[in-house]
Amino acid sequence: REVVTAMRGNIAELLSKAVNAGALDSDISFSEQNAVLNVLRNYGDLDSSNIFTNSTRSGLQEGSGGLTAGLPRAALNLDDFFFDTSVPYVPTFSESINQSATMLQPVGGMDKIAQALADEVSEESFYGIEITAIRRSGSGAVIEGMVDGTIGAAEVDYVIVAIPPSVLRNIPNDFSAATANAIAQVQYANPTKIAFQSPRFWESEDDIYGGISWTDPEILQIWYPSGGFGQEKGIIVGSYLFGGTNATNFQNLSIDERVEFALAGGEKVHPQYRQNLSAGISVAWAKVPYSLGGWSVSTPSSVLQLPDGPFLFAGDHLTYLQGWQEGAVISSLNALNNLLDLMGV
């Protein structure tokens, strides 16, 4: 909130100066200028001279605001963040379409949603099978797979392929040339994440209850648990990199090096970090065998949204909600509708 308040205040002050200097006379009439200045004064919490000094929107100085009048914290220095382009989306991150303010979490983790869906079809589900080939067979298809070294095959009428293209492109198949090309074109992000178990010092010592601390781009984010407040211990995410060079550097570290890297970055934010954190566990999705990436960063393929003979495709990569469960659900409904059309239902 301090960064956002300071940024809005400085932007509003600069625009107010431009209005008063006549720099925007060709864009706004003289009669509109006062209205614009009033909006800027409110937007940036400027004083009566249209100058930004500080604002209670940043929070109050410790010890004020109770028995004495609330005193705003000193405003952040403009040079400390305004011209820093290393993490340009920080001020507006919470306003993006994928970061809604009101979110519910399934008890036990996000995979509980998938598990609940799987429970509904558990009698007809098979697990632990590595798909080794997908081919046409007559008007249908044959799926080849391997379990514990044993190879088998199944003849089916239709196949809904939900394997990520990053993996699917390496599985022998006889998809059409257009389908194979579309699969080959899908590019994936290489996010990384590391988490630790720790006493909840961020609550007892820093008054942090949930949310994110933005750090240097090498570790980028520290996530605090949004539940279990007041419990003895919790799980803290020590770094979350969405992809790019920093994620590549992190994924190429050894397990122990990743832990040390995250600890060294995190203790710049919390000096007590290293002495509290333990049991570090990390994941680099580009190295997970059946994922080979986190989420698609390519425009959804219209080719893969349609059937290719007996093959239909599903997955979040086929929607504009890439990386989200909702995208997977939407694409599965599209695949089922395509299947019903093929069956003439």
Protein backbone atom coordinates (compact mmCIF):
# COMPACT_ATOMS: atom_id res chain seq x y z
CA ARG A 1 0.00 0.00 0.00
CA GLU A 2 2.93 2.35 0.58
CA VAL A 3 4.22 1.82 -2.96
CA VAL A 4 0.79 2.29 -4.54
CA THR A 5 0.03 5.38 -2.44
CA ALA A 6 3.36 7.01 -3.25
CA MET A 7 3.08 6.17 -6.94
CA ARG A 8 -0.44 7.58 -7.25
CA GLY A 9 0.51 10.65 -5.25
CA ASN A 10 3.50 11.42 -7.43
CA ILE A 11 1.64 10.77 -10.67
CA ALA A 12 -1.23 13.01 -9.54
CA GLU A 13 1.20 15.78 -8.56
CA LEU A 14 3.01 15.61 -11.92
CA LEU A 15 -0.28 15.73 -13.85
CA SER A 16 -1.51 18.63 -11.72
CA LYS A 17 1.64 20.57 -12.58
CA ALA A 18 1.07 19.80 -16.26
CA VAL A 19 -2.52 21.08 -16.06
CA ASN A 20 -1.50 24.28 -14.27
CA ALA A 21 1.34 24.87 -16.73
CA GLY A 22 -1.09 24.69 -19.66
CA ALA A 23 0.56 21.58 -21.08
CA LEU A 24 -2.82 19.92 -21.51
CA ASP A 25 -4.78 22.91 -22.84
CA SER A 26 -5.28 21.18 -26.19
CA ASP A 27 -6.85 18.18 -24.44
CA ILE A 28 -9.04 19.77 -21.76
CA SER A 29 -10.86 23.08 -21.80
CA PHE A 30 -10.30 25.80 -19.22
CA SER A 31 -13.68 25.02 -17.64
CA GLU A 32 -12.70 21.35 -17.25
CA GLN A 33 -9.35 22.02 -15.60
CA ASN A 34 -10.73 22.53 -12.10
CA ALA A 35 -12.68 19.28 -12.34
CA VAL A 36 -9.54 17.44 -13.46
CA LEU A 37 -7.50 18.96 -10.63
CA ASN A 38 -10.15 17.90 -8.11
CA VAL A 39 -10.00 14.33 -9.40
CA LEU A 40 -6.20 14.32 -9.23
CA ARG A 41 -6.25 15.83 -5.74
CA ASN A 42 -8.49 13.02 -4.54
CA TYR A 43 -6.68 10.29 -6.51
CA GLY A 44 -3.27 11.18 -5.15
CA ASP A 45 -4.33 12.62 -1.76
CA LEU A 46 -2.65 15.92 -2.64
CA ASP A 47 -2.67 18.98 -0.40
CA SER A 48 -4.47 22.20 -1.27
CA SER A 49 -1.49 23.25 -3.40
CA ASN A 50 -1.67 19.99 -5.35
CA ILE A 51 1.54 18.70 -3.78
CA PHE A 52 2.01 15.15 -2.52
CA THR A 53 3.86 14.95 0.78
CA ASN A 54 2.44 11.86 2.47
CA SER A 55 -0.87 10.17 3.12
CA THR A 56 -2.59 8.09 5.77
CA ARG A 57 -3.39 5.68 2.95
CA SER A 58 0.18 4.41 3.47
CA GLY A 59 -0.61 3.64 7.10
CA LEU A 60 0.03 5.48 10.35
CA GLN A 61 3.19 6.04 12.30
CA GLU A 62 3.54 3.57 15.14
CA GLY A 63 1.89 4.80 18.33
CA SER A 64 -0.37 7.35 16.66
CA GLY A 65 -4.04 7.19 15.80
CA GLY A 66 -5.26 6.01 19.19
CA LEU A 67 -5.19 8.55 21.98
CA THR A 68 -3.40 10.96 19.67
CA ALA A 69 -4.10 12.05 16.13
CA GLY A 70 -3.02 9.63 13.43
CA LEU A 71 0.22 10.64 11.73
CA PRO A 72 0.91 9.34 8.22
CA ARG A 73 4.07 7.43 7.57
CA ALA A 74 6.77 9.23 5.65
CA ALA A 75 6.20 8.81 1.91
CA LEU A 76 8.52 6.50 0.01
CA ASN A 77 11.26 8.16 -1.98
CA LEU A 78 10.25 8.44 -5.62
CA ASP A 79 13.65 7.23 -6.80
CA ASP A 80 13.36 4.06 -4.72
CA PHE A 81 10.62 2.56 -6.86
CA PHE A 82 9.19 4.88 -9.49
CA PHE A 83 11.92 4.28 -12.05
CA ASP A 84 12.54 0.65 -11.12
CA THR A 85 11.35 -1.51 -14.02
CA SER A 86 12.60 -4.84 -12.62
CA VAL A 87 9.14 -5.75 -11.33
CA PRO A 88 6.81 -3.38 -13.22
CA TYR A 89 3.54 -5.12 -12.35
CA VAL A 90 3.86 -4.90 -8.55
CA PRO A 91 1.62 -1.80 -8.06
CA THR A 92 -1.21 -3.25 -10.15
CA PHE A 93 -0.76 -6.98 -9.45
CA SER A 94 -3.84 -7.23 -7.21
CA GLU A 95 -5.97 -5.45 -9.82
CA SER A 96 -5.36 -7.97 -12.61
CA ILE A 97 -8.24 -10.18 -13.75
CA ASN A 98 -6.57 -13.26 -12.23
CA GLN A 99 -6.18 -11.75 -8.76
CA SER A 100 -9.74 -11.17 -7.60
CA ALA A 101 -10.02 -9.68 -4.13
CA THR A 102 -12.50 -12.29 -2.93
CA MET A 103 -11.24 -15.86 -3.21
CA LEU A 104 -12.25 -19.09 -1.46
CA GLN A 105 -9.83 -21.92 -0.84
CA PRO A 106 -10.78 -25.60 -0.64
CA VAL A 107 -9.85 -27.11 2.71
CA GLY A 108 -6.76 -29.26 2.24
CA GLY A 109 -5.44 -27.65 -0.93
CA MET A 110 -6.45 -26.79 -4.48
CA ASP A 111 -6.12 -30.40 -5.66
CA LYS A 112 -9.17 -31.27 -3.55
CA ILE A 113 -11.31 -29.95 -6.41
CA ALA A 114 -9.77 -32.39 -8.88
CA GLN A 115 -10.00 -35.19 -6.32
CA ALA A 116 -13.71 -34.53 -5.81
CA LEU A 117 -14.31 -34.76 -9.55
CA ALA A 118 -12.25 -37.96 -9.74
CA ASP A 119 -14.32 -39.50 -6.95
CA GLU A 120 -17.41 -39.24 -9.15
CA VAL A 121 -15.86 -41.50 -11.81
CA SER A 122 -13.55 -43.56 -9.59
CA GLU A 123 -14.92 -46.93 -10.72
CA GLU A 124 -13.88 -46.21 -14.31
CA SER A 125 -10.55 -44.55 -13.61
CA PHE A 126 -7.08 -46.04 -14.00
CA TYR A 127 -3.99 -44.48 -12.48
CA GLY A 128 -0.24 -44.89 -12.86
CA ILE A 129 -0.33 -45.56 -16.60
CA GLU A 130 2.31 -43.83 -18.73
CA ILE A 131 0.89 -43.24 -22.20
CA THR A 132 3.44 -44.35 -24.81
CA ALA A 133 1.48 -43.93 -28.06
CA ILE A 134 -1.85 -42.60 -29.39
CA ARG A 135 -2.88 -43.78 -32.84
CA ARG A 136 -5.87 -44.17 -35.12
CA SER A 137 -7.43 -47.58 -35.51
CA GLY A 138 -10.23 -47.88 -38.05
CA SER A 139 -12.78 -45.23 -37.19
CA GLY A 140 -11.54 -45.15 -33.59
CA ALA A 141 -8.19 -45.11 -31.83
CA VAL A 142 -5.79 -47.24 -29.86
CA ILE A 143 -4.01 -45.99 -26.75
CA GLU A 144 -0.80 -47.68 -25.72
CA GLY A 145 0.53 -47.44 -22.18
CA MET A 146 2.94 -48.90 -19.67
CA VAL A 147 2.58 -49.77 -15.99
CA ASP A 148 5.56 -51.07 -13.99
CA GLY A 149 7.29 -52.07 -17.19
CA THR A 150 4.26 -53.92 -18.59
CA ILE A 151 2.98 -52.63 -21.93
CA GLY A 152 -0.70 -52.74 -22.83
CA ALA A 153 -3.19 -51.16 -25.22
CA ALA A 154 -6.87 -50.21 -25.31
CA GLU A 155 -9.15 -49.84 -28.33
CA VAL A 156 -11.58 -46.94 -27.98
CA ASP A 157 -14.06 -45.03 -30.10
CA TYR A 158 -12.83 -41.57 -29.11
CA VAL A 159 -9.98 -40.06 -27.08
CA ILE A 160 -10.11 -36.83 -25.11
CA VAL A 161 -6.45 -35.90 -24.83
CA ALA A 162 -5.75 -33.74 -21.77
CA ILE A 163 -1.99 -34.26 -21.73
CA PRO A 164 -0.08 -30.93 -21.78
CA PRO A 165 1.33 -30.18 -25.25
CA SER A 166 4.79 -29.87 -23.68
CA VAL A 167 4.55 -33.61 -22.97
CA LEU A 168 2.19 -34.67 -25.75
CA ARG A 169 4.54 -33.58 -28.55
CA ASN A 170 7.01 -36.25 -27.44
CA ILE A 171 4.48 -39.11 -27.46
CA PRO A 172 4.28 -41.07 -30.75
CA ASN A 173 0.99 -40.32 -32.51
CA ASP A 174 -0.62 -39.97 -35.91
CA PHE A 175 -2.46 -36.70 -35.42
CA SER A 176 -3.09 -34.67 -38.55
CA ALA A 177 -0.32 -32.33 -39.70
CA ALA A 178 -2.34 -29.28 -38.57
CA THR A 179 -2.90 -30.78 -35.11
CA ALA A 180 0.73 -31.85 -34.72
CA ASN A 181 1.90 -28.39 -35.74
CA ALA A 182 -0.48 -26.69 -33.30
CA ILE A 183 0.79 -28.91 -30.48
CA ALA A 184 4.41 -28.13 -31.38
CA GLN A 185 3.74 -24.38 -31.28
CA VAL A 186 2.48 -24.25 -27.68
CA GLN A 187 5.14 -22.71 -25.44
CA TYR A 188 5.21 -23.13 -21.66
CA ALA A 189 6.34 -20.95 -18.76
CA ASN A 190 8.96 -22.38 -16.40
CA PRO A 191 7.78 -21.24 -12.95
CA THR A 192 9.52 -22.29 -9.75
CA LYS A 193 8.50 -22.25 -6.12
CA ILE A 194 10.04 -23.11 -2.75
CA ALA A 195 8.32 -23.40 0.63
CA PHE A 196 9.40 -23.89 4.23
CA GLN A 197 7.91 -24.85 7.56
CA SER A 198 8.38 -22.23 10.25
CA PRO A 199 7.09 -20.81 13.51
CA ARG A 200 4.76 -17.97 12.60
CA PHE A 201 7.20 -15.15 13.43
CA TRP A 202 5.67 -13.00 10.66
CA GLU A 203 2.48 -12.87 12.73
CA SER A 204 3.93 -12.51 16.23
CA GLU A 205 6.79 -10.17 15.32
CA ASP A 206 5.82 -8.44 12.07
CA ASP A 207 1.99 -8.37 12.26
CA ILE A 208 1.68 -10.01 8.84
CA TYR A 209 -1.43 -12.16 8.33
CA GLY A 210 -1.51 -13.60 4.84
CA GLY A 211 -0.58 -11.80 1.63
CA ILE A 212 2.63 -11.32 -0.30
CA SER A 213 5.91 -9.50 0.22
CA TRP A 214 7.51 -8.37 -3.04
CA THR A 215 11.28 -8.69 -3.05
CA ASP A 216 14.18 -8.39 -5.47
CA PRO A 217 13.34 -10.19 -8.74
CA GLU A 218 15.72 -13.07 -7.93
CA ILE A 219 13.16 -14.55 -5.51
CA LEU A 220 10.33 -12.11 -6.38
CA GLN A 221 7.69 -13.07 -3.79
CA ILE A 222 7.28 -14.36 -0.25
CA TRP A 223 3.81 -15.76 0.44
CA TYR A 224 2.37 -15.99 3.94
CA PRO A 225 -0.35 -18.53 4.86
CA SER A 226 -3.86 -17.14 4.72
CA GLY A 227 -5.23 -19.58 7.28
CA GLY A 228 -4.37 -21.10 10.63
CA PHE A 229 -3.69 -17.72 12.21
CA GLY A 230 -2.24 -18.03 15.69
CA GLN A 231 -1.11 -21.62 15.30
CA GLU A 232 2.41 -22.54 16.32
CA LYS A 233 3.74 -23.22 12.83
CA GLY A 234 2.81 -22.59 9.23
CA ILE A 235 4.04 -22.99 5.67
CA ILE A 236 5.67 -19.96 4.08
CA VAL A 237 6.47 -19.74 0.37
CA GLY A 238 10.03 -18.47 0.19
CA SER A 239 10.05 -17.70 -3.53
CA TYR A 240 7.65 -17.83 -6.45
CA LEU A 241 9.10 -17.08 -9.87
CA PHE A 242 6.65 -17.03 -12.78
CA GLY A 243 9.27 -17.86 -15.41
CA GLY A 244 12.08 -16.27 -17.38
CA THR A 245 15.80 -16.04 -16.69
CA ASN A 246 15.52 -15.91 -12.89
CA ALA A 247 13.36 -19.03 -12.87
CA THR A 248 15.79 -20.79 -15.19
CA ASN A 249 18.68 -19.92 -12.90
CA PHE A 250 16.74 -21.19 -9.88
CA GLN A 251 15.69 -24.47 -11.51
CA ASN A 252 19.28 -25.21 -12.47
CA LEU A 253 20.45 -25.03 -8.84
CA SER A 254 20.79 -28.18 -6.76
CA ILE A 255 18.16 -28.82 -4.08
CA ASP A 256 20.47 -27.53 -1.33
CA GLU A 257 21.47 -24.50 -3.41
CA ARG A 258 17.81 -23.57 -3.93
CA VAL A 259 17.24 -23.62 -0.17
CA GLU A 260 20.28 -21.42 0.48
CA PHE A 261 19.33 -19.04 -2.34
CA ALA A 262 15.83 -18.54 -0.93
CA LEU A 263 17.10 -18.12 2.63
CA ALA A 264 19.66 -15.53 1.58
CA GLY A 265 17.02 -13.54 -0.29
CA GLY A 266 14.36 -13.85 2.38
CA GLU A 267 16.52 -12.71 5.27
CA LYS A 268 16.86 -9.35 3.54
CA VAL A 269 13.15 -8.94 4.29
CA HIS A 270 13.04 -10.80 7.62
CA PRO A 271 16.33 -10.83 9.58
CA GLN A 272 15.01 -13.75 11.69
CA TYR A 273 14.26 -15.78 8.58
CA ARG A 274 17.14 -18.27 8.55
CA GLN A 275 16.91 -19.20 12.23
CA ASN A 276 13.21 -20.07 11.92
CA LEU A 277 12.78 -21.78 8.56
CA SER A 278 13.26 -25.52 8.02
CA ALA A 279 12.23 -28.42 5.78
CA GLY A 280 12.61 -26.53 2.51
CA ILE A 281 10.96 -28.14 -0.49
CA SER A 282 11.09 -26.77 -4.03
CA VAL A 283 9.61 -27.49 -7.42
CA ALA A 284 10.61 -26.42 -10.93
CA TRP A 285 7.69 -27.30 -13.18
CA ALA A 286 9.82 -27.42 -16.33
CA LYS A 287 11.57 -30.43 -14.79
CA VAL A 288 8.43 -32.29 -13.70
CA PRO A 289 8.23 -35.25 -16.14
CA TYR A 290 4.50 -35.20 -16.89
CA SER A 291 4.19 -31.40 -16.91
CA LEU A 292 7.41 -30.01 -18.44
CA GLY A 293 6.25 -26.50 -17.66
CA GLY A 294 3.78 -24.56 -15.58
CA TRP A 295 1.23 -23.16 -18.01
CA SER A 296 0.96 -22.19 -21.64
CA VAL A 297 2.09 -18.70 -22.64
CA SER A 298 0.81 -19.10 -26.21
CA THR A 299 -2.46 -17.93 -27.71
CA PRO A 300 -5.01 -20.77 -27.41
CA SER A 301 -5.07 -22.87 -30.56
CA SER A 302 -8.36 -22.84 -32.48
CA VAL A 303 -7.17 -26.01 -34.23
CA LEU A 304 -6.96 -27.93 -30.95
CA GLN A 305 -10.37 -26.66 -29.89
CA LEU A 306 -11.85 -28.84 -32.66
CA PRO A 307 -11.77 -32.64 -33.15
CA ASP A 308 -9.13 -34.38 -35.23
CA GLY A 309 -10.90 -37.56 -36.28
CA PRO A 310 -11.38 -39.61 -33.08
CA PHE A 311 -9.14 -37.24 -31.10
CA LEU A 312 -10.47 -34.38 -29.01
CA PHE A 313 -8.36 -32.09 -26.84
CA ALA A 314 -8.81 -30.47 -23.46
CA GLY A 315 -6.72 -28.46 -21.02
CA ASP A 316 -6.32 -24.95 -19.69
CA HIS A 317 -3.90 -24.24 -22.57
CA LEU A 318 -6.92 -24.19 -24.91
CA THR A 319 -8.49 -21.24 -23.08
CA TYR A 320 -7.52 -17.74 -22.05
CA LEU A 321 -7.47 -18.93 -18.43
CA GLN A 322 -4.11 -20.62 -18.80
CA GLY A 323 -2.74 -22.06 -15.59
CA TRP A 324 -6.11 -22.01 -13.83
CA GLN A 325 -8.46 -24.86 -13.02
CA GLU A 326 -11.38 -22.93 -14.47
CA GLY A 327 -9.64 -22.97 -17.84
CA ALA A 328 -9.33 -26.76 -17.67
CA VAL A 329 -13.03 -27.10 -16.84
CA ILE A 330 -14.12 -24.78 -19.65
CA SER A 331 -12.02 -26.67 -22.20
CA SER A 332 -13.34 -30.02 -20.99
CA LEU A 333 -16.90 -28.84 -21.54
CA ASN A 334 -15.92 -27.77 -25.06
CA ALA A 335 -14.42 -31.22 -25.69
CA LEU A 336 -17.55 -32.94 -24.39
CA ASN A 337 -19.75 -30.80 -26.65
CA ASN A 338 -17.54 -31.74 -29.59
CA LEU A 339 -17.84 -35.39 -28.61
CA LEU A 340 -21.63 -35.20 -28.48
CA ASP A 341 -21.63 -33.65 -31.96
CA LEU A 342 -19.45 -36.49 -33.28
CA MET A 343 -21.80 -39.03 -31.71
CA GLY A 344 -24.82 -37.27 -33.17
CA VAL A 345 -26.38 -36.78 -29.75
